[in-house]
Every structure is written in structure tokens, then in C-alpha cells.
Amino acid sequence: MRKSLLTLAMLLSPTAVFAHEGHGGVGLFHHFMDLAPALALLAVIAVGFVWVKNRK
């Protein structure tokens, strides 16, 4: 099951970088700057959880 989820994620991940319809075709993911603060916060939280877990 884990391998099938990983395979599915790998197959669908290239579609995440394409622009959505209404922007004149396929392009790079142009909303990255809008999502960057949320992604950075998520990364900090994940590193914090790993640090707390390994601290014990």
C-alpha cells in the first residue's frame, strides 16, 4: 500500500507545477510565492516535531 501511494504521488507531482486554466496555457506554478510562507511554516513545524521526538 505504501509503495502504491508513493508511486501515485510521483505520477501526479509533475501536474502540480503546471498553471491552471485561464492563464493562457501551461506554465510554471506561478502561485509559489503565495504559498511559500505556508510551506516554510510547515517545514519549521515538521523539523520541530522531529527535534522533539529525537530529543527524548
Protein backbone atom coordinates (compact mmCIF):
# COMPACT_ATOMS: atom_id res chain seq x y z
CA MET A 1 0.00 0.00 0.00
CA ARG A 2 2.80 2.40 0.89
CA LYS A 3 4.56 1.79 -2.42
CA SER A 4 1.37 2.37 -4.36
CA LEU A 5 0.78 5.71 -2.60
CA LEU A 6 4.37 6.74 -3.30
CA THR A 7 4.02 5.75 -6.95
CA LEU A 8 0.75 7.67 -7.25
CA ALA A 9 2.33 10.76 -5.69
CA MET A 10 5.28 10.55 -8.08
CA LEU A 11 2.96 10.25 -11.07
CA LEU A 12 0.79 13.19 -10.04
CA SER A 13 3.54 15.54 -8.80
CA PRO A 14 4.52 16.89 -12.26
CA THR A 15 0.97 18.17 -12.74
CA ALA A 16 1.31 20.32 -9.62
CA VAL A 17 3.79 22.67 -11.33
CA PHE A 18 1.57 23.48 -14.30
CA ALA A 19 -0.53 26.63 -14.38
CA HIS A 20 -4.24 26.17 -14.06
CA GLU A 21 -6.61 27.07 -16.89
CA GLY A 22 -7.28 30.70 -17.61
CA HIS A 23 -3.67 31.79 -17.75
CA GLY A 24 -3.07 31.13 -21.41
CA GLY A 25 -1.72 27.60 -21.28
CA VAL A 26 0.75 25.51 -19.37
CA GLY A 27 3.44 27.27 -17.40
CA LEU A 28 5.35 27.12 -14.15
CA PHE A 29 3.43 27.15 -10.90
CA HIS A 30 3.00 30.89 -10.57
CA HIS A 31 1.36 30.82 -7.13
CA PHE A 32 4.52 29.60 -5.40
CA MET A 33 5.22 32.99 -3.85
CA ASP A 34 1.71 33.00 -2.39
CA LEU A 35 2.26 29.59 -0.82
CA ALA A 36 5.92 29.99 0.19
CA PRO A 37 5.21 31.35 3.73
CA ALA A 38 2.83 28.48 4.46
CA LEU A 39 5.32 25.93 3.12
CA ALA A 40 8.11 27.45 5.22
CA LEU A 41 5.93 27.33 8.33
CA LEU A 42 5.05 23.70 7.62
CA ALA A 43 8.75 22.85 7.25
CA VAL A 44 9.61 24.57 10.56
CA ILE A 45 6.81 22.72 12.35
CA ALA A 46 7.94 19.38 10.88
CA VAL A 47 11.56 19.98 11.91
CA GLY A 48 10.34 20.94 15.38
CA PHE A 49 8.38 17.71 15.73
CA VAL A 50 11.37 15.65 14.60
CA TRP A 51 13.66 17.52 17.02
CA VAL A 52 11.28 16.99 19.96
CA LYS A 53 10.85 13.31 19.09
CA ASN A 54 14.61 12.68 18.87
CA ARG A 55 15.36 14.73 21.99
CA LYS A 56 13.94 12.11 24.36
